Amino acid sequence: MRLSRPTHRPHPGPARPARLPGLRLIGALILLAGAGVGCFADGGAGGGSSGKSARRAPTAVPALGNVVPAPSEVRPAGLPYEITAGTAIRFDDRPGVRAVGDYLAGILRPSTGFELPLDPGPGADGIRLRLAPDEADLGDEGYRLESSPAAVTLVAKEPAGLFRGVQTLRQLLPHAIEKKAVGSGPWQVPGGTITDRPRYEYRGVMLDVARHFFTVDEVKRYVDQAALYKINKLHLHLTDDQGWRIAIDSWPKLTTIGGATEVGGGEGGFYTKEQFREIVAYAASRHMEVIPEIDMPGHTAAALAAYPELNCDGVAKPVYTGTDVGFSTLCVGKPVTFDFVDDVIREIAALTPGEYLHIGGDEADSTEEKDYRVFMDRVRETVAKYGKKPIAWHQIAGAEVDENVIAQYWGYGGTKKEEREEVADAVRRGARLILSPADRIYLDMQYTATHPLGLHWAGTVEVDKSYDWDPGGYFAAEGVPEDAVVGIEAALWTETLDTGAELEQMAFPRLLGAAEKGWSRGDIGWDAYEPRLVAQAGRMAALGIAYHPSPTVDWPKE
């Protein structure tokens, strides 16, 4: 059985979860004390929601460990390191390390005003970037950061680990480090050692560019914002009923007709192959893999408008600019449909160096169940033929799956038990899971019933509720072990969003909590998370991120 998402159906939304009980609160306070957190970077006194009597003491320098996502191990010790006019960025002469140094220098130079030369020599001072291939315990993305008055040293097994460590280093500096104008400093990094590695290999964000089109530069900005919080996958939802956003040479009308509009009847748009390669390369420079999605067999009205032969009746459908779902389907009984699928996947696979390709599969309400199984099985085989691994929305559990299939779960509190059981059965058949629960990390859900942006079919999702879930135990009741979970992905659908500022308001600050769920180990409660989220307020402001000032968070006063 394939159950589908309600279409913009009003939903009162579940009540906000209660604050953590006493034992967890005590543990959270111990964690804060041990990590030295509870202060925020901009030095302001807390502000925001009422009812909190105590305010955290201000400081101009973040405490070691006061970062998002929470590091695995934090050991404060000694005096800080200060970046000065004499600081150099020293790096190993190994592949990939110089690029991390260049990236770090690009962040630090505008705000400090310092030259910060890159030096391939060993050196005992400055900021040192070191690869240590024998540090197997760090894994491919882990790192160790050591700060003392003499130097800051980042050690990792792979360049991706150094890059993740640089994001921590950024957050250990005052938030003004993110500005493009020279500030006064001092630019100090708290003393001690952080040893860190991710919980999950897959930590993603999904951006829907099909309902409303977003430019290359807007996508790059989102990549940079997500990279700060150690996201490593960018899932681009490239096709849907309202628009086809990627050039396919063998089927050119997909973009000239299918990409010509968007929700509400705007001008739409699409990426040329060169533009898409530019996005892929930019994301790769941030150690982020792009995962393209071609949604099939439903969500295909744009393709059906472009090519009449893909319809069972051979008649082109009109271009669609509304927001309903479940009404479109490719004609599974026609050989031309699979010629089309083969061409599209072949061209998309050639554009994408990463290992995954997303094939959609959700809300195919107009596809007969037997046709759905035939279609998804053949598409899965086609993806493998072109050297990729398939990801699909969790409705693929109704077709054949094996250990090469990843099902992306987007259910919520209202999802029927039998649908969850079907997903669990797919895991027993070998499939693995990406978790994107709609009532937690669908970033397009309204914060409140009166919020002007977003939808609410999965309920309203304020910042504290978005954080209140555990990926490892999410399917425990159905007998799914944590090691079947590849990771998490925060999805941002754009039926109601058509500007970069609107994207940011819906994504931030909830994206930070999703990033922590994917990276950080252990059951970290809201009371341990909130002060570290508060510390990001000034940083987001310095980066110009138009975040939602949720009343569930005790934000600093201006």
Protein backbone atom coordinates (compact mmCIF):
# COMPACT_ATOMS: atom_id res chain seq x y z
CA MET A 1 0.00 0.00 0.00
CA ARG A 2 1.25 3.49 -0.84
CA LEU A 3 -0.21 6.18 1.34
CA SER A 4 0.32 9.79 0.42
CA ARG A 5 0.79 13.17 1.98
CA PRO A 6 -2.39 15.17 2.54
CA THR A 7 -2.69 18.13 0.20
CA HIS A 8 -2.47 21.34 2.27
CA ARG A 9 -5.03 19.93 4.66
CA PRO A 10 -5.57 22.01 7.83
CA HIS A 11 -4.19 20.30 10.89
CA PRO A 12 -4.20 21.65 14.42
CA GLY A 13 -0.74 20.23 15.06
CA PRO A 14 0.39 18.39 18.14
CA ALA A 15 1.06 20.31 21.31
CA ARG A 16 4.55 21.56 22.02
CA PRO A 17 6.51 18.96 24.02
CA ALA A 18 7.09 19.61 27.69
CA ARG A 19 10.47 20.75 28.92
CA LEU A 20 12.89 18.07 29.97
CA PRO A 21 12.20 16.40 33.31
CA GLY A 22 14.43 16.87 36.30
CA LEU A 23 16.94 14.07 35.79
CA ARG A 24 17.60 15.02 32.19
CA LEU A 25 17.87 18.68 33.16
CA ILE A 26 20.51 17.83 35.77
CA GLY A 27 22.42 15.85 33.16
CA ALA A 28 22.15 18.75 30.76
CA LEU A 29 23.54 21.17 33.30
CA ILE A 30 26.45 18.84 33.99
CA LEU A 31 27.10 18.66 30.25
CA LEU A 32 27.04 22.43 29.95
CA ALA A 33 29.43 22.87 32.83
CA GLY A 34 31.83 20.24 31.52
CA ALA A 35 31.84 21.65 28.01
CA GLY A 36 32.08 25.24 29.17
CA VAL A 37 28.92 26.24 27.35
CA GLY A 38 26.11 28.53 28.35
CA CYS A 39 27.64 31.76 27.06
CA PHE A 40 26.95 33.30 23.71
CA ALA A 41 29.20 34.87 21.18
CA ASP A 42 27.79 38.34 20.85
CA GLY A 43 28.02 39.29 24.50
CA GLY A 44 24.37 40.28 24.83
CA ALA A 45 22.09 39.31 27.68
CA GLY A 46 19.48 36.70 26.80
CA GLY A 47 16.11 37.82 25.55
CA GLY A 48 13.02 36.54 23.82
CA SER A 49 10.36 34.50 25.57
CA SER A 50 9.11 35.43 28.99
CA GLY A 51 9.00 33.28 32.10
CA LYS A 52 12.75 32.64 32.46
CA SER A 53 14.17 34.31 35.53
CA ALA A 54 17.90 33.66 35.05
CA ARG A 55 20.04 35.12 32.29
CA ARG A 56 23.32 33.66 31.10
CA ALA A 57 26.43 35.72 31.80
CA PRO A 58 27.68 37.54 28.70
CA THR A 59 31.13 37.06 27.23
CA ALA A 60 32.81 38.24 24.04
CA VAL A 61 34.51 34.89 23.49
CA PRO A 62 32.58 31.63 23.00
CA ALA A 63 33.41 28.90 25.48
CA LEU A 64 35.06 25.76 24.16
CA GLY A 65 32.33 23.40 23.03
CA ASN A 66 29.69 26.12 22.66
CA VAL A 67 29.06 25.11 19.07
CA VAL A 68 26.40 23.44 16.92
CA PRO A 69 26.41 20.49 16.37
CA ALA A 70 27.62 19.43 19.82
CA PRO A 71 31.11 17.87 19.64
CA SER A 72 31.77 14.31 20.81
CA GLU A 73 34.37 15.22 23.44
CA VAL A 74 35.34 18.63 24.86
CA ARG A 75 38.23 19.21 27.26
CA PRO A 76 38.73 22.90 28.19
CA ALA A 77 42.28 23.68 29.33
CA GLY A 78 44.61 26.64 29.52
CA LEU A 79 44.65 30.04 27.92
CA PRO A 80 43.23 30.89 24.49
CA TYR A 81 45.01 31.27 21.19
CA GLU A 82 44.73 34.72 19.60
CA ILE A 83 44.78 35.36 15.86
CA THR A 84 46.98 38.40 15.19
CA ALA A 85 48.73 40.13 12.32
CA GLY A 86 51.54 37.61 12.76
CA THR A 87 49.35 34.52 12.36
CA ALA A 88 49.99 32.21 9.43
CA ILE A 89 47.86 29.31 8.21
CA ARG A 90 50.20 26.35 7.96
CA PHE A 91 49.19 23.26 6.02
CA ASP A 92 50.41 19.83 5.04
CA ASP A 93 51.52 19.46 1.47
CA ARG A 94 48.94 16.71 0.89
CA PRO A 95 46.06 16.62 -1.59
CA GLY A 96 43.05 18.61 -0.45
CA VAL A 97 44.65 20.37 2.51
CA ARG A 98 45.65 23.59 0.72
CA ALA A 99 42.04 24.01 -0.44
CA VAL A 100 40.82 23.90 3.17
CA GLY A 101 43.43 26.50 4.08
CA ASP A 102 42.31 28.76 1.25
CA TYR A 103 38.70 28.42 2.41
CA LEU A 104 39.63 29.28 6.01
CA ALA A 105 41.69 32.29 4.91
CA GLY A 106 38.74 33.52 2.85
CA ILE A 107 36.60 33.59 5.99
CA LEU A 108 39.16 35.12 8.35
CA ARG A 109 40.83 37.81 6.24
CA PRO A 110 37.90 40.19 5.61
CA SER A 111 36.91 40.48 9.28
CA THR A 112 40.37 40.46 10.89
CA GLY A 113 42.09 42.58 8.28
CA PHE A 114 45.16 40.33 8.65
CA GLU A 115 47.16 38.90 5.76
CA LEU A 116 47.13 35.34 7.19
CA PRO A 117 49.58 33.90 4.64
CA LEU A 118 49.36 30.23 3.71
CA ASP A 119 52.56 28.38 4.52
CA PRO A 120 53.24 24.74 3.58
CA GLY A 121 56.00 24.55 6.18
CA PRO A 122 55.58 22.62 9.46
CA GLY A 123 55.87 25.50 11.94
CA ALA A 124 55.05 25.43 15.66
CA ASP A 125 52.73 28.43 15.68
CA GLY A 126 49.73 29.83 13.85
CA ILE A 127 46.74 27.83 12.63
CA ARG A 128 47.96 24.40 11.56
CA LEU A 129 46.07 22.00 9.29
CA ARG A 130 47.39 18.45 9.46
CA LEU A 131 46.36 15.17 7.84
CA ALA A 132 47.08 12.03 9.84
CA PRO A 133 46.08 8.97 7.77
CA ASP A 134 46.77 6.66 10.71
CA GLU A 135 44.08 8.38 12.86
CA ALA A 136 41.51 5.74 11.97
CA ASP A 137 39.35 6.53 15.01
CA LEU A 138 38.50 9.92 13.51
CA GLY A 139 36.91 8.36 10.43
CA ASP A 140 36.53 10.23 7.15
CA GLU A 141 34.89 13.33 8.67
CA GLY A 142 36.19 13.45 12.23
CA TYR A 143 38.81 15.87 13.52
CA ARG A 144 40.73 16.93 16.58
CA LEU A 145 41.14 20.62 17.43
CA GLU A 146 43.79 21.66 19.94
CA SER A 147 44.04 25.26 21.08
CA SER A 148 46.84 26.77 23.19
CA PRO A 149 48.51 30.19 23.35
CA ALA A 150 51.10 28.95 20.82
CA ALA A 151 48.85 27.54 18.08
CA VAL A 152 45.56 26.09 16.97
CA THR A 153 46.04 22.67 15.39
CA LEU A 154 43.44 20.79 13.39
CA VAL A 155 44.17 17.12 12.74
CA ALA A 156 42.05 14.81 10.59
CA LYS A 157 42.34 11.58 8.66
CA GLU A 158 40.83 13.11 5.50
CA PRO A 159 40.44 16.65 4.09
CA ALA A 160 36.69 16.44 4.79
CA GLY A 161 37.52 16.12 8.48
CA LEU A 162 39.68 19.23 8.34
CA PHE A 163 36.83 21.08 6.67
CA ARG A 164 34.39 20.03 9.40
CA GLY A 165 36.94 21.12 11.99
CA VAL A 166 37.18 24.54 10.36
CA GLN A 167 33.43 24.98 10.95
CA THR A 168 34.02 24.38 14.66
CA LEU A 169 36.94 26.81 14.64
CA ARG A 170 34.70 29.48 13.08
CA GLN A 171 32.14 29.05 15.85
CA LEU A 172 34.81 29.29 18.55
CA LEU A 173 35.64 32.79 17.34
CA PRO A 174 33.44 35.84 18.02
CA HIS A 175 30.52 36.01 15.62
CA ALA A 176 31.95 39.15 13.98
CA ILE A 177 34.46 36.86 12.28
CA GLU A 178 31.70 36.16 9.74
CA LYS A 179 31.39 39.79 8.62
CA LYS A 180 32.98 41.17 5.47
CA ALA A 181 34.12 44.36 7.22
CA VAL A 182 37.20 44.64 9.45
CA GLY A 183 36.36 44.33 13.14
CA SER A 184 38.29 45.17 16.29
CA GLY A 185 38.69 41.69 17.76
CA PRO A 186 40.28 40.28 19.81
CA TRP A 187 40.09 37.07 17.75
CA GLN A 188 40.57 34.43 20.41
CA VAL A 189 40.02 30.67 20.34
CA PRO A 190 39.36 29.13 23.79
CA GLY A 191 42.05 26.80 25.08
CA GLY A 192 41.62 23.03 25.18
CA THR A 193 40.91 20.06 22.95
CA ILE A 194 37.86 18.98 20.97
CA THR A 195 37.73 15.48 19.51
CA ASP A 196 34.79 14.98 17.23
CA ARG A 197 33.24 12.69 14.61
CA PRO A 198 29.73 12.31 13.17
CA ARG A 199 27.01 9.96 14.31
CA TYR A 200 25.67 9.36 10.78
CA GLU A 201 27.37 9.25 7.41
CA TYR A 202 24.45 11.02 5.72
CA ARG A 203 23.47 14.51 6.94
CA GLY A 204 21.48 16.26 4.30
CA VAL A 205 19.35 19.16 3.27
CA MET A 206 16.79 18.99 0.48
CA LEU A 207 15.97 22.08 -1.55
CA ASP A 208 12.92 22.03 -3.81
CA VAL A 209 13.74 24.13 -6.88
CA ALA A 210 10.83 22.68 -8.88
CA ARG A 211 7.83 24.39 -7.26
CA HIS A 212 9.70 27.71 -7.30
CA PHE A 213 12.97 28.08 -9.15
CA PHE A 214 16.09 29.33 -7.36
CA THR A 215 19.21 30.60 -9.09
CA VAL A 216 22.70 29.14 -8.98
CA ASP A 217 23.81 31.88 -6.59
CA GLU A 218 20.86 31.26 -4.27
CA VAL A 219 21.69 27.56 -4.15
CA LYS A 220 25.36 28.34 -3.44
CA ARG A 221 24.34 30.56 -0.53
CA TYR A 222 22.29 27.73 0.95
CA VAL A 223 25.27 25.39 0.51
CA ASP A 224 27.48 27.78 2.48
CA GLN A 225 24.92 28.16 5.24
CA ALA A 226 24.43 24.40 5.58
CA ALA A 227 28.18 23.71 5.48
CA LEU A 228 28.69 25.80 8.63
CA TYR A 229 26.68 23.16 10.50
CA LYS A 230 28.52 20.16 8.98
CA ILE A 231 25.86 19.13 6.45
CA ASN A 232 27.39 16.88 3.79
CA LYS A 233 24.56 16.20 1.29
CA LEU A 234 22.54 18.58 -0.89
CA HIS A 235 19.46 16.89 -2.33
CA LEU A 236 18.06 18.99 -5.18
CA HIS A 237 14.43 18.26 -6.04
CA LEU A 238 14.78 19.12 -9.73
CA THR A 239 11.46 18.03 -11.22
CA ASP A 240 7.81 18.10 -10.24
CA ASP A 241 4.39 18.89 -11.62
CA GLN A 242 5.13 22.62 -11.66
CA GLY A 243 8.54 22.63 -13.29
CA TRP A 244 11.42 20.69 -14.87
CA ARG A 245 14.66 22.42 -13.84
CA ILE A 246 17.54 20.53 -15.49
CA ALA A 247 18.47 20.46 -19.18
CA ILE A 248 18.21 17.04 -20.88
CA ASP A 249 19.73 17.16 -24.35
CA SER A 250 17.74 14.21 -25.70
CA TRP A 251 14.43 15.69 -24.53
CA PRO A 252 14.86 19.49 -24.88
CA LYS A 253 11.21 20.44 -24.42
CA LEU A 254 11.43 19.35 -20.79
CA THR A 255 12.92 22.75 -20.03
CA THR A 256 11.56 24.93 -22.82
CA ILE A 257 7.99 23.90 -21.99
CA GLY A 258 8.20 22.06 -18.67
CA GLY A 259 10.53 24.61 -17.08
CA ALA A 260 8.76 27.73 -18.29
CA THR A 261 6.63 28.38 -15.22
CA GLU A 262 6.24 27.63 -11.51
CA VAL A 263 3.69 27.72 -8.70
CA GLY A 264 1.50 30.79 -9.15
CA GLY A 265 2.45 31.18 -12.82
CA GLY A 266 5.86 32.83 -12.46
CA GLU A 267 8.51 32.67 -15.14
CA GLY A 268 10.16 29.51 -13.81
CA GLY A 269 13.63 28.66 -15.06
CA PHE A 270 16.11 25.80 -15.29
CA TYR A 271 19.79 24.97 -14.99
CA THR A 272 21.88 24.35 -18.03
CA LYS A 273 24.23 21.42 -17.71
CA GLU A 274 27.12 23.81 -17.18
CA GLN A 275 25.23 25.59 -14.40
CA PHE A 276 24.42 22.29 -12.74
CA ARG A 277 28.10 21.29 -12.91
CA GLU A 278 28.91 24.63 -11.30
CA ILE A 279 26.60 23.82 -8.37
CA VAL A 280 28.09 20.33 -8.06
CA ALA A 281 31.64 21.71 -8.05
CA TYR A 282 30.81 24.44 -5.54
CA ALA A 283 29.19 21.95 -3.18
CA ALA A 284 32.19 19.63 -3.56
CA SER A 285 34.48 22.48 -2.51
CA ARG A 286 32.46 22.47 0.74
CA HIS A 287 32.77 18.65 0.96
CA MET A 288 29.09 18.31 0.13
CA GLU A 289 27.67 15.79 -2.35
CA VAL A 290 24.83 16.85 -4.65
CA ILE A 291 22.04 14.28 -5.00
CA PRO A 292 19.75 15.09 -7.94
CA GLU A 293 16.13 13.99 -7.80
CA ILE A 294 14.00 13.17 -10.82
CA ASP A 295 10.59 12.51 -9.28
CA MET A 296 8.72 9.63 -11.01
CA PRO A 297 6.23 8.18 -11.94
CA GLY A 298 4.00 10.78 -10.25
CA HIS A 299 4.84 14.47 -9.87
CA THR A 300 5.46 14.50 -13.63
CA ALA A 301 2.96 17.01 -15.04
CA ALA A 302 5.76 19.22 -16.38
CA ALA A 303 7.15 16.33 -18.44
CA LEU A 304 3.65 15.29 -19.55
CA ALA A 305 3.02 18.84 -20.79
CA ALA A 306 6.27 18.82 -22.77
CA TYR A 307 5.87 15.40 -24.42
CA PRO A 308 2.37 14.09 -25.29
CA GLU A 309 3.68 10.56 -25.93
CA LEU A 310 4.43 10.11 -22.21
CA ASN A 311 0.68 10.28 -21.53
CA CYS A 312 -1.36 7.13 -21.97
CA ASP A 313 -3.83 8.99 -24.24
CA GLY A 314 -1.05 10.67 -26.22
CA VAL A 315 -2.45 14.13 -25.44
CA ALA A 316 -0.22 16.79 -23.87
CA LYS A 317 -1.38 18.02 -20.49
CA PRO A 318 -1.43 21.75 -19.80
CA VAL A 319 1.42 23.18 -17.75
CA TYR A 320 0.46 23.19 -14.08
CA THR A 321 0.94 26.05 -11.62
CA GLY A 322 -1.16 24.90 -8.67
CA THR A 323 -0.18 22.95 -5.56
CA ASP A 324 -2.26 19.76 -5.66
CA VAL A 325 -0.48 16.40 -5.69
CA GLY A 326 -1.18 12.84 -6.79
CA PHE A 327 -2.89 13.55 -10.13
CA SER A 328 -0.07 12.91 -12.62
CA THR A 329 1.64 9.75 -13.84
CA LEU A 330 3.92 8.58 -16.61
CA CYS A 331 2.32 5.89 -18.77
CA VAL A 332 3.96 2.70 -17.54
CA GLY A 333 2.52 0.58 -20.35
CA LYS A 334 4.34 2.45 -23.13
CA PRO A 335 7.90 1.49 -24.20
CA VAL A 336 8.64 5.18 -24.88
CA THR A 337 8.30 5.85 -21.15
CA PHE A 338 11.29 3.66 -20.39
CA ASP A 339 13.26 5.16 -23.29
CA PHE A 340 12.59 8.52 -21.66
CA VAL A 341 13.62 7.26 -18.21
CA ASP A 342 16.82 5.71 -19.58
CA ASP A 343 17.84 8.91 -21.37
CA VAL A 344 17.12 11.14 -18.37
CA ILE A 345 18.96 8.95 -15.88
CA ARG A 346 21.90 8.49 -18.24
CA GLU A 347 22.34 12.24 -18.67
CA ILE A 348 21.81 13.05 -15.00
CA ALA A 349 24.24 10.33 -13.88
CA ALA A 350 26.90 11.76 -16.20
CA LEU A 351 26.50 15.16 -14.50
CA THR A 352 26.81 13.77 -10.98
CA PRO A 353 30.07 12.39 -9.55
CA GLY A 354 28.37 11.35 -6.30
CA GLU A 355 27.14 7.83 -5.64
CA TYR A 356 23.40 8.53 -5.27
CA LEU A 357 20.52 9.44 -7.56
CA HIS A 358 17.05 10.08 -6.15
CA ILE A 359 14.14 8.65 -8.17
CA GLY A 360 11.18 10.04 -6.20
CA GLY A 361 8.39 7.49 -6.08
CA ASP A 362 6.04 9.32 -3.70
CA GLU A 363 2.38 10.23 -4.07
CA ALA A 364 1.93 8.22 -7.28
CA ASP A 365 -1.78 8.04 -6.55
CA SER A 366 -2.71 7.94 -10.25
CA THR A 367 -0.41 4.99 -10.99
CA GLU A 368 -1.89 1.51 -10.64
CA GLU A 369 -0.19 -0.46 -7.89
CA LYS A 370 1.04 -3.19 -10.23
CA ASP A 371 2.35 -0.54 -12.62
CA TYR A 372 4.06 1.25 -9.75
CA ARG A 373 5.97 -1.88 -8.80
CA VAL A 374 6.98 -2.57 -12.42
CA PHE A 375 8.06 1.04 -12.89
CA MET A 376 10.09 1.43 -9.71
CA ASP A 377 11.82 -1.92 -10.23
CA ARG A 378 12.89 -0.97 -13.75
CA VAL A 379 13.99 2.52 -12.74
CA ARG A 380 16.04 1.08 -9.89
CA GLU A 381 17.78 -1.21 -12.38
CA THR A 382 18.42 1.70 -14.74
CA VAL A 383 20.04 3.72 -11.95
CA ALA A 384 22.36 0.81 -11.20
CA LYS A 385 23.15 0.44 -14.92
CA TYR A 386 24.56 3.95 -14.90
CA GLY A 387 26.67 3.38 -11.82
CA LYS A 388 24.53 5.04 -9.13
CA LYS A 389 22.69 3.89 -6.03
CA PRO A 390 18.97 4.68 -5.84
CA ILE A 391 17.29 6.71 -3.14
CA ALA A 392 13.50 6.98 -3.20
CA TRP A 393 10.78 8.31 -0.94
CA HIS A 394 9.59 5.61 1.43
CA GLN A 395 6.68 4.53 -0.78
CA ILE A 396 9.27 2.44 -2.63
CA ALA A 397 8.74 -0.04 0.20
CA GLY A 398 5.75 -1.22 -1.88
CA ALA A 399 8.11 -2.40 -4.65
CA GLU A 400 11.16 -4.65 -4.69
CA VAL A 401 14.01 -3.43 -2.52
CA ASP A 402 17.41 -4.77 -1.49
CA GLU A 403 20.57 -3.62 0.26
CA ASN A 404 21.31 -1.16 -2.55
CA VAL A 405 18.12 0.83 -1.97
CA ILE A 406 17.74 3.70 0.47
CA ALA A 407 14.18 4.65 1.42
CA GLN A 408 13.65 8.22 2.60
CA TYR A 409 10.91 8.36 5.24
CA TRP A 410 8.83 11.54 5.37
CA GLY A 411 5.94 10.37 7.55
CA TYR A 412 4.70 12.14 10.66
CA GLY A 413 2.53 11.63 13.72
CA GLY A 414 -0.52 11.04 11.57
CA THR A 415 1.07 8.32 9.44
CA LYS A 416 -0.84 5.06 9.65
CA LYS A 417 0.72 2.11 11.46
CA GLU A 418 0.58 -0.13 8.40
CA GLU A 419 2.66 2.34 6.40
CA ARG A 420 5.36 2.38 9.07
CA GLU A 421 5.24 -1.43 9.18
CA GLU A 422 5.71 -1.55 5.41
CA VAL A 423 8.83 0.59 5.76
CA ALA A 424 10.12 -1.68 8.54
CA ASP A 425 9.51 -4.69 6.28
CA ALA A 426 11.57 -3.03 3.55
CA VAL A 427 14.42 -2.74 6.05
CA ARG A 428 14.11 -6.44 6.82
CA ARG A 429 14.46 -7.05 3.08
CA GLY A 430 17.74 -5.11 3.09
CA ALA A 431 16.80 -1.48 2.50
CA ARG A 432 18.30 1.30 4.61
CA LEU A 433 16.66 4.51 5.79
CA ILE A 434 17.11 8.25 5.62
CA LEU A 435 14.83 9.93 8.14
CA SER A 436 12.97 13.14 7.28
CA PRO A 437 9.96 13.10 9.61
CA ALA A 438 7.66 15.85 8.38
CA ASP A 439 6.55 16.94 11.85
CA ARG A 440 10.17 17.47 12.90
CA ILE A 441 12.46 18.40 9.99
CA TYR A 442 10.25 19.34 7.06
CA LEU A 443 11.43 22.93 7.17
CA ASP A 444 8.45 24.21 5.20
CA MET A 445 5.99 23.41 7.99
CA GLN A 446 4.60 26.55 9.62
CA TYR A 447 6.08 27.50 12.96
CA THR A 448 2.62 28.48 14.22
CA ALA A 449 -0.88 28.54 12.78
CA THR A 450 -0.53 32.27 12.08
CA HIS A 451 2.93 32.18 10.50
CA PRO A 452 2.60 33.69 7.00
CA LEU A 453 4.84 31.13 5.25
CA GLY A 454 4.69 27.39 4.92
CA LEU A 455 2.14 24.58 5.20
CA HIS A 456 0.70 22.68 8.15
CA TRP A 457 -0.53 19.27 6.93
CA ALA A 458 1.95 17.64 9.37
CA GLY A 459 1.14 20.13 12.12
CA THR A 460 2.88 23.30 13.19
CA VAL A 461 6.54 22.84 14.11
CA GLU A 462 8.21 25.36 16.39
CA VAL A 463 11.94 25.24 17.02
CA ASP A 464 11.80 23.25 20.26
CA LYS A 465 9.46 20.64 18.78
CA SER A 466 11.68 20.29 15.71
CA TYR A 467 14.55 19.29 18.00
CA ASP A 468 12.56 16.85 20.13
CA TRP A 469 13.18 13.47 18.45
CA ASP A 470 15.84 10.79 18.25
CA PRO A 471 16.79 9.29 14.86
CA GLY A 472 18.22 6.14 16.43
CA GLY A 473 14.99 5.21 18.15
CA TYR A 474 12.54 6.57 15.60
CA PHE A 475 11.57 3.13 14.26
CA ALA A 476 12.42 1.13 17.39
CA ALA A 477 8.79 0.13 17.97
CA GLU A 478 8.78 -1.55 14.58
CA GLY A 479 12.00 -3.42 15.34
CA VAL A 480 14.26 -1.35 13.07
CA PRO A 481 17.81 -1.19 14.48
CA GLU A 482 19.70 2.08 14.53
CA ASP A 483 22.34 0.75 12.15
CA ALA A 484 19.66 0.58 9.42
CA VAL A 485 19.51 4.40 9.55
CA VAL A 486 21.96 5.99 7.12
CA GLY A 487 21.20 9.45 8.44
CA ILE A 488 18.80 12.38 8.37
CA GLU A 489 17.73 15.02 5.88
CA ALA A 490 15.95 18.31 6.51
CA ALA A 491 13.61 18.97 3.58
CA LEU A 492 12.57 22.41 2.39
CA TRP A 493 9.64 22.42 -0.02
CA THR A 494 8.81 25.66 -1.80
CA GLU A 495 5.11 25.74 -2.64
CA THR A 496 4.84 28.94 -0.56
CA LEU A 497 8.43 30.18 -0.83
CA ASP A 498 9.87 32.13 -3.74
CA THR A 499 12.69 34.30 -2.34
CA GLY A 500 15.97 33.55 -0.64
CA ALA A 501 14.87 35.44 2.48
CA GLU A 502 11.78 33.23 2.73
CA LEU A 503 13.91 30.11 2.41
CA GLU A 504 16.14 31.31 5.23
CA GLN A 505 13.26 32.22 7.52
CA MET A 506 11.83 28.72 7.25
CA ALA A 507 15.14 26.86 7.40
CA PHE A 508 16.72 28.80 10.25
CA PRO A 509 17.06 28.10 13.05
CA ARG A 510 15.45 24.64 12.65
CA LEU A 511 18.21 23.48 10.30
CA LEU A 512 20.72 23.75 13.17
CA GLY A 513 18.78 21.25 15.26
CA ALA A 514 18.51 18.84 12.34
CA ALA A 515 22.25 19.12 11.75
CA GLU A 516 22.89 18.26 15.39
CA LYS A 517 20.61 15.22 15.19
CA GLY A 518 22.71 13.95 12.31
CA TRP A 519 26.13 14.72 13.76
CA SER A 520 26.06 14.55 17.55
CA ARG A 521 26.06 11.37 19.58
CA GLY A 522 23.91 10.64 22.60
CA ASP A 523 20.50 11.85 23.71
CA ILE A 524 21.16 15.58 24.03
CA GLY A 525 18.09 17.32 25.38
CA TRP A 526 16.66 20.74 24.64
CA ASP A 527 18.09 22.30 27.80
CA ALA A 528 21.62 21.41 26.69
CA TYR A 529 20.95 22.49 23.12
CA GLU A 530 19.16 25.81 23.62
CA PRO A 531 22.13 27.81 25.03
CA ARG A 532 24.27 26.70 22.10
CA LEU A 533 21.50 27.67 19.68
CA VAL A 534 21.28 31.07 21.40
CA ALA A 535 25.01 31.51 20.80
CA GLN A 536 24.34 31.23 17.07
CA ALA A 537 22.01 34.26 16.97
CA GLY A 538 24.77 36.78 16.48
CA ARG A 539 26.53 34.53 13.98
CA MET A 540 23.41 34.13 11.86
CA ALA A 541 22.88 37.89 12.02
CA ALA A 542 26.48 38.55 10.98
CA LEU A 543 25.96 36.25 7.99
CA GLY A 544 22.75 38.06 7.07
CA ILE A 545 20.57 34.99 7.62
CA ALA A 546 16.93 35.99 8.00
CA TYR A 547 16.15 33.50 10.77
CA HIS A 548 12.85 33.10 12.63
CA PRO A 549 13.12 34.52 16.18
CA SER A 550 11.09 31.74 17.77
CA PRO A 551 9.50 32.57 21.15
CA THR A 552 10.46 29.05 22.31
CA VAL A 553 14.10 30.22 22.41
CA ASP A 554 15.55 32.64 24.98
CA TRP A 555 17.31 34.82 22.41
CA PRO A 556 19.82 37.49 23.46
CA LYS A 557 18.54 41.03 23.62
CA GLU A 558 19.90 43.52 21.11
